[in-house]
PDB file of N, CA and C in Angstrom:
ATOM      1  N   MET A   1      37.290  19.428-132.095  1.00  0.00           N
ATOM      2  CA  MET A   1      36.636  18.998-130.875  1.00  0.00           C
ATOM      3  C   MET A   1      37.652  18.538-129.835  1.00  0.00           C
ATOM      4  N   LYS A   2      38.759  17.961-130.302  1.00  0.00           N
ATOM      5  CA  LYS A   2      39.781  17.492-129.374  1.00  0.00           C
ATOM      6  C   LYS A   2      40.378  18.660-128.593  1.00  0.00           C
ATOM      7  N   GLY A   3      40.558  19.795-129.254  1.00  0.00           N
ATOM      8  CA  GLY A   3      41.093  20.983-128.580  1.00  0.00           C
ATOM      9  C   GLY A   3      40.157  21.495-127.501  1.00  0.00           C
ATOM     10  N   LEU A   4      38.856  21.474-127.772  1.00  0.00           N
ATOM     11  CA  LEU A   4      37.872  21.911-126.787  1.00  0.00           C
ATOM     12  C   LEU A   4      37.854  20.971-125.585  1.00  0.00           C
ATOM     13  N   ASN A   5      37.945  19.683-125.856  1.00  0.00           N
ATOM     14  CA  ASN A   5      37.999  18.702-124.760  1.00  0.00           C
ATOM     15  C   ASN A   5      39.240  18.911-123.898  1.00  0.00           C
ATOM     16  N   MET A   6      40.379  19.170-124.532  1.00  0.00           N
ATOM     17  CA  MET A   6      41.625  19.392-123.795  1.00  0.00           C
ATOM     18  C   MET A   6      41.545  20.683-122.976  1.00  0.00           C
ATOM     19  N   ALA A   7      40.979  21.733-123.548  1.00  0.00           N
ATOM     20  CA  ALA A   7      40.832  22.996-122.813  1.00  0.00           C
ATOM     21  C   ALA A   7      39.933  22.804-121.595  1.00  0.00           C
ATOM     22  N   ALA A   8      38.846  22.067-121.777  1.00  0.00           N
ATOM     23  CA  ALA A   8      37.939  21.812-120.653  1.00  0.00           C
ATOM     24  C   ALA A   8      38.644  21.015-119.566  1.00  0.00           C
ATOM     25  N   LEU A   9      39.426  20.026-119.959  1.00  0.00           N
ATOM     26  CA  LEU A   9      40.157  19.224-118.981  1.00  0.00           C
ATOM     27  C   LEU A   9      41.159  20.068-118.200  1.00  0.00           C
ATOM     28  N   ILE A  10      41.892  20.916-118.887  1.00  0.00           N
ATOM     29  CA  ILE A  10      42.871  21.781-118.222  1.00  0.00           C
ATOM     30  C   ILE A  10      42.180  22.723-117.249  1.00  0.00           C
ATOM     31  N   LEU A  11      41.058  23.298-117.661  1.00  0.00           N
ATOM     32  CA  LEU A  11      40.330  24.207-116.774  1.00  0.00           C
ATOM     33  C   LEU A  11      39.787  23.482-115.547  1.00  0.00           C
ATOM     34  N   ILE A  12      39.332  22.262-115.722  1.00  0.00           N
ATOM     35  CA  ILE A  12      38.838  21.486-114.577  1.00  0.00           C
ATOM     36  C   ILE A  12      39.986  21.138-113.628  1.00  0.00           C
ATOM     37  N   ILE A  13      41.152  20.849-114.171  1.00  0.00           N
ATOM     38  CA  ILE A  13      42.313  20.580-113.322  1.00  0.00           C
ATOM     39  C   ILE A  13      42.693  21.829-112.537  1.00  0.00           C
ATOM     40  N   VAL A  14      42.704  22.981-113.190  1.00  0.00           N
ATOM     41  CA  VAL A  14      42.999  24.235-112.493  1.00  0.00           C
ATOM     42  C   VAL A  14      41.984  24.469-111.379  1.00  0.00           C
ATOM     43  N   GLY A  15      40.710  24.236-111.671  1.00  0.00           N
ATOM     44  CA  GLY A  15      39.675  24.403-110.650  1.00  0.00           C
ATOM     45  C   GLY A  15      39.845  23.438-109.494  1.00  0.00           C
ATOM     46  N   GLY A  16      40.208  22.193-109.811  1.00  0.00           N
ATOM     47  CA  GLY A  16      40.424  21.204-108.759  1.00  0.00           C
ATOM     48  C   GLY A  16      41.614  21.556-107.880  1.00  0.00           C
ATOM     49  N   LEU A  17      42.695  22.023-108.495  1.00  0.00           N
ATOM     50  CA  LEU A  17      43.857  22.441-107.717  1.00  0.00           C
ATOM     51  C   LEU A  17      43.532  23.650-106.849  1.00  0.00           C
ATOM     52  N   ASN A  18      42.727  24.547-107.381  1.00  0.00           N
ATOM     53  CA  ASN A  18      42.310  25.716-106.599  1.00  0.00           C
ATOM     54  C   ASN A  18      41.530  25.274-105.357  1.00  0.00           C
ATOM     55  N   TRP A  19      40.620  24.320-105.526  1.00  0.00           N
ATOM     56  CA  TRP A  19      39.856  23.808-104.376  1.00  0.00           C
ATOM     57  C   TRP A  19      40.761  23.079-103.393  1.00  0.00           C
ATOM     58  N   LEU A  20      41.744  22.348-103.895  1.00  0.00           N
ATOM     59  CA  LEU A  20      42.692  21.661-103.019  1.00  0.00           C
ATOM     60  C   LEU A  20      43.449  22.662-102.151  1.00  0.00           C
ATOM     61  N   LEU A  21      43.979  23.713-102.785  1.00  0.00           N
ATOM     62  CA  LEU A  21      44.708  24.726-102.031  1.00  0.00           C
ATOM     63  C   LEU A  21      43.803  25.441-101.035  1.00  0.00           C
ATOM     64  N   PHE A  22      42.577  25.685-101.448  1.00  0.00           N
ATOM     65  CA  PHE A  22      41.651  26.354-100.534  1.00  0.00           C
ATOM     66  C   PHE A  22      41.302  25.455 -99.356  1.00  0.00           C
ATOM     67  N   GLY A  23      41.104  24.175 -99.620  1.00  0.00           N
ATOM     68  CA  GLY A  23      40.767  23.241 -98.552  1.00  0.00           C
ATOM     69  C   GLY A  23      41.906  23.020 -97.571  1.00  0.00           C
ATOM     70  N   LEU A  24      43.129  22.946 -98.082  1.00  0.00           N
ATOM     71  CA  LEU A  24      44.275  22.681 -97.222  1.00  0.00           C
ATOM     72  C   LEU A  24      44.801  23.925 -96.516  1.00  0.00           C
ATOM     73  N   PHE A  25      44.863  25.036 -97.240  1.00  0.00           N
ATOM     74  CA  PHE A  25      45.546  26.222 -96.721  1.00  0.00           C
ATOM     75  C   PHE A  25      44.662  27.461 -96.646  1.00  0.00           C
ATOM     76  N   GLN A  26      43.398  27.325 -97.020  1.00  0.00           N
ATOM     77  CA  GLN A  26      42.464  28.446 -97.088  1.00  0.00           C
ATOM     78  C   GLN A  26      43.029  29.581 -97.943  1.00  0.00           C
ATOM     79  N   TRP A  27      43.659  29.195 -99.051  1.00  0.00           N
ATOM     80  CA  TRP A  27      44.229  30.161 -99.993  1.00  0.00           C
ATOM     81  C   TRP A  27      43.653  29.909-101.377  1.00  0.00           C
ATOM     82  N   ASP A  28      43.110  30.947-101.967  1.00  0.00           N
ATOM     83  CA  ASP A  28      42.509  30.871-103.292  1.00  0.00           C
ATOM     84  C   ASP A  28      43.558  31.252-104.331  1.00  0.00           C
ATOM     85  N   LEU A  29      44.004  30.283-105.109  1.00  0.00           N
ATOM     86  CA  LEU A  29      45.043  30.508-106.112  1.00  0.00           C
ATOM     87  C   LEU A  29      44.614  31.553-107.139  1.00  0.00           C
ATOM     88  N   VAL A  30      43.431  31.396-107.693  1.00  0.00           N
ATOM     89  CA  VAL A  30      42.952  32.323-108.722  1.00  0.00           C
ATOM     90  C   VAL A  30      42.810  33.721-108.138  1.00  0.00           C
ATOM     91  N   GLY A  31      42.191  33.816-106.985  1.00  0.00           N
ATOM     92  CA  GLY A  31      42.047  35.114-106.336  1.00  0.00           C
ATOM     93  C   GLY A  31      43.388  35.713-105.954  1.00  0.00           C
ATOM     94  N   GLY A  32      44.326  34.869-105.524  1.00  0.00           N
ATOM     95  CA  GLY A  32      45.649  35.350-105.158  1.00  0.00           C
ATOM     96  C   GLY A  32      46.418  35.910-106.342  1.00  0.00           C
ATOM     97  N   ILE A  33      46.259  35.298-107.486  1.00  0.00           N
ATOM     98  CA  ILE A  33      46.970  35.753-108.678  1.00  0.00           C
ATOM     99  C   ILE A  33      46.326  37.009-109.267  1.00  0.00           C
ATOM    100  N   PHE A  34      44.997  37.045-109.252  1.00  0.00           N
ATOM    101  CA  PHE A  34      44.297  38.109-109.968  1.00  0.00           C
ATOM    102  C   PHE A  34      43.667  39.165-109.066  1.00  0.00           C
ATOM    103  N   GLY A  35      44.119  39.270-107.838  1.00  0.00           N
ATOM    104  CA  GLY A  35      43.706  40.393-107.001  1.00  0.00           C
ATOM    105  C   GLY A  35      42.460  40.182-106.178  1.00  0.00           C
ATOM    106  N   GLY A  36      42.193  38.989-105.754  1.00  0.00           N
ATOM    107  CA  GLY A  36      41.049  38.729-104.892  1.00  0.00           C
ATOM    108  C   GLY A  36      39.908  38.045-105.608  1.00  0.00           C
ATOM    109  N   MET A  37      39.062  37.404-104.807  1.00  0.00           N
ATOM    110  CA  MET A  37      37.948  36.639-105.374  1.00  0.00           C
ATOM    111  C   MET A  37      36.926  37.522-106.075  1.00  0.00           C
ATOM    112  N   ASP A  38      36.859  38.785-105.700  1.00  0.00           N
ATOM    113  CA  ASP A  38      35.848  39.679-106.273  1.00  0.00           C
ATOM    114  C   ASP A  38      36.344  40.476-107.469  1.00  0.00           C
ATOM    115  N   SER A  39      37.603  40.275-107.870  1.00  0.00           N
ATOM    116  CA  SER A  39      38.100  41.011-109.033  1.00  0.00           C
ATOM    117  C   SER A  39      37.405  40.481-110.284  1.00  0.00           C
ATOM    118  N   PRO A  40      37.175  41.354-111.248  1.00  0.00           N
ATOM    119  CA  PRO A  40      36.466  40.924-112.468  1.00  0.00           C
ATOM    120  C   PRO A  40      37.161  39.776-113.201  1.00  0.00           C
ATOM    121  N   ILE A  41      38.478  39.788-113.259  1.00  0.00           N
ATOM    122  CA  ILE A  41      39.200  38.724-113.970  1.00  0.00           C
ATOM    123  C   ILE A  41      39.029  37.390-113.256  1.00  0.00           C
ATOM    124  N   ALA A  42      39.134  37.401-111.925  1.00  0.00           N
ATOM    125  CA  ALA A  42      38.962  36.159-111.167  1.00  0.00           C
ATOM    126  C   ALA A  42      37.551  35.618-111.350  1.00  0.00           C
ATOM    127  N   ARG A  43      36.567  36.496-111.329  1.00  0.00           N
ATOM    128  CA  ARG A  43      35.177  36.041-111.509  1.00  0.00           C
ATOM    129  C   ARG A  43      34.977  35.438-112.891  1.00  0.00           C
ATOM    130  N   ILE A  44      35.603  36.017-113.903  1.00  0.00           N
ATOM    131  CA  ILE A  44      35.501  35.466-115.257  1.00  0.00           C
ATOM    132  C   ILE A  44      36.129  34.075-115.293  1.00  0.00           C
ATOM    133  N   ILE A  45      37.271  33.909-114.637  1.00  0.00           N
ATOM    134  CA  ILE A  45      37.931  32.606-114.611  1.00  0.00           C
ATOM    135  C   ILE A  45      37.051  31.582-113.899  1.00  0.00           C
ATOM    136  N   TYR A  46      36.426  31.965-112.779  1.00  0.00           N
ATOM    137  CA  TYR A  46      35.526  31.048-112.076  1.00  0.00           C
ATOM    138  C   TYR A  46      34.377  30.615-112.986  1.00  0.00           C
ATOM    139  N   VAL A  47      33.813  31.551-113.737  1.00  0.00           N
ATOM    140  CA  VAL A  47      32.701  31.231-114.638  1.00  0.00           C
ATOM    141  C   VAL A  47      33.164  30.302-115.761  1.00  0.00           C
ATOM    142  N   VAL A  48      34.335  30.572-116.334  1.00  0.00           N
ATOM    143  CA  VAL A  48      34.848  29.741-117.423  1.00  0.00           C
ATOM    144  C   VAL A  48      35.138  28.320-116.923  1.00  0.00           C
ATOM    145  N   VAL A  49      35.687  28.205-115.712  1.00  0.00           N
ATOM    146  CA  VAL A  49      35.941  26.876-115.143  1.00  0.00           C
ATOM    147  C   VAL A  49      34.618  26.144-114.910  1.00  0.00           C
ATOM    148  N   GLY A  50      33.604  26.857-114.444  1.00  0.00           N
ATOM    149  CA  GLY A  50      32.287  26.243-114.255  1.00  0.00           C
ATOM    150  C   GLY A  50      31.666  25.782-115.557  1.00  0.00           C
ATOM    151  N   ILE A  51      31.802  26.583-116.592  1.00  0.00           N
ATOM    152  CA  ILE A  51      31.290  26.191-117.909  1.00  0.00           C
ATOM    153  C   ILE A  51      32.041  24.967-118.421  1.00  0.00           C
ATOM    154  N   ALA A  52      33.355  24.913-118.184  1.00  0.00           N
ATOM    155  CA  ALA A  52      34.138  23.743-118.595  1.00  0.00           C
ATOM    156  C   ALA A  52      33.654  22.493-117.871  1.00  0.00           C
ATOM    157  N   ALA A  53      33.298  22.632-116.600  1.00  0.00           N
ATOM    158  CA  ALA A  53      32.791  21.488-115.843  1.00  0.00           C
ATOM    159  C   ALA A  53      31.455  21.015-116.412  1.00  0.00           C
ATOM    160  N   ILE A  54      30.591  21.949-116.747  1.00  0.00           N
ATOM    161  CA  ILE A  54      29.293  21.580-117.330  1.00  0.00           C
ATOM    162  C   ILE A  54      29.510  20.913-118.687  1.00  0.00           C
ATOM    163  N   TYR A  55      30.398  21.472-119.494  1.00  0.00           N
ATOM    164  CA  TYR A  55      30.697  20.866-120.792  1.00  0.00           C
ATOM    165  C   TYR A  55      31.247  19.454-120.621  1.00  0.00           C
ATOM    166  N   SER A  56      32.054  19.246-119.615  1.00  0.00           N
ATOM    167  CA  SER A  56      32.679  17.936-119.391  1.00  0.00           C
ATOM    168  C   SER A  56      31.677  16.855-119.039  1.00  0.00           C
ATOM    169  N   LEU A  57      30.496  17.233-118.632  1.00  0.00           N
ATOM    170  CA  LEU A  57      29.450  16.243-118.401  1.00  0.00           C
ATOM    171  C   LEU A  57      29.143  15.486-119.685  1.00  0.00           C
ATOM    172  N   THR A  58      29.294  16.143-120.827  1.00  0.00           N
ATOM    173  CA  THR A  58      29.047  15.474-122.111  1.00  0.00           C
ATOM    174  C   THR A  58      30.122  14.435-122.415  1.00  0.00           C
ATOM    175  N   LEU A  59      31.278  14.555-121.770  1.00  0.00           N
ATOM    176  CA  LEU A  59      32.376  13.620-122.029  1.00  0.00           C
ATOM    177  C   LEU A  59      32.223  12.322-121.234  1.00  0.00           C
ATOM    178  N   LEU A  60      31.319  12.287-120.289  1.00  0.00           N
ATOM    179  CA  LEU A  60      31.142  11.092-119.476  1.00  0.00           C
ATOM    180  C   LEU A  60      30.758   9.875-120.309  1.00  0.00           C
ATOM    181  N   LYS A  61      29.950  10.086-121.337  1.00  0.00           N
ATOM    182  CA  LYS A  61      29.536   8.943-122.161  1.00  0.00           C
ATOM    183  C   LYS A  61      30.704   8.347-122.942  1.00  0.00           C
ATOM    184  N   LYS A  62      31.775   9.135-123.156  1.00  0.00           N
ATOM    185  CA  LYS A  62      32.951   8.618-123.845  1.00  0.00           C
ATOM    186  C   LYS A  62      33.810   7.748-122.928  1.00  0.00           C
ATOM    187  N   VAL A  63      33.665   7.921-121.622  1.00  0.00           N
ATOM    188  CA  VAL A  63      34.471   7.184-120.647  1.00  0.00           C
ATOM    189  C   VAL A  63      33.938   5.779-120.450  1.00  0.00           C
ATOM    190  N   LYS A  64      32.655   5.581-120.624  1.00  0.00           N
ATOM    191  CA  LYS A  64      32.026   4.270-120.388  1.00  0.00           C
ATOM    192  C   LYS A  64      32.621   3.181-121.207  1.00  0.00           C
TER     193      LYS A  64
END
């Protein structure tokens, strides 16, 4: 379970950094690396990051 929690945290950090770069420079890191926002690989990464965020909601009770 610790590995899953760590993977979710890393994915959320990647997603947060992507939003930071997009907000500051209007540049999408994931899309830039994998050939645009509409490329299949980039879309898969966006979905996996979203799933990690949803999973991380379960970790909130551990923070209290």
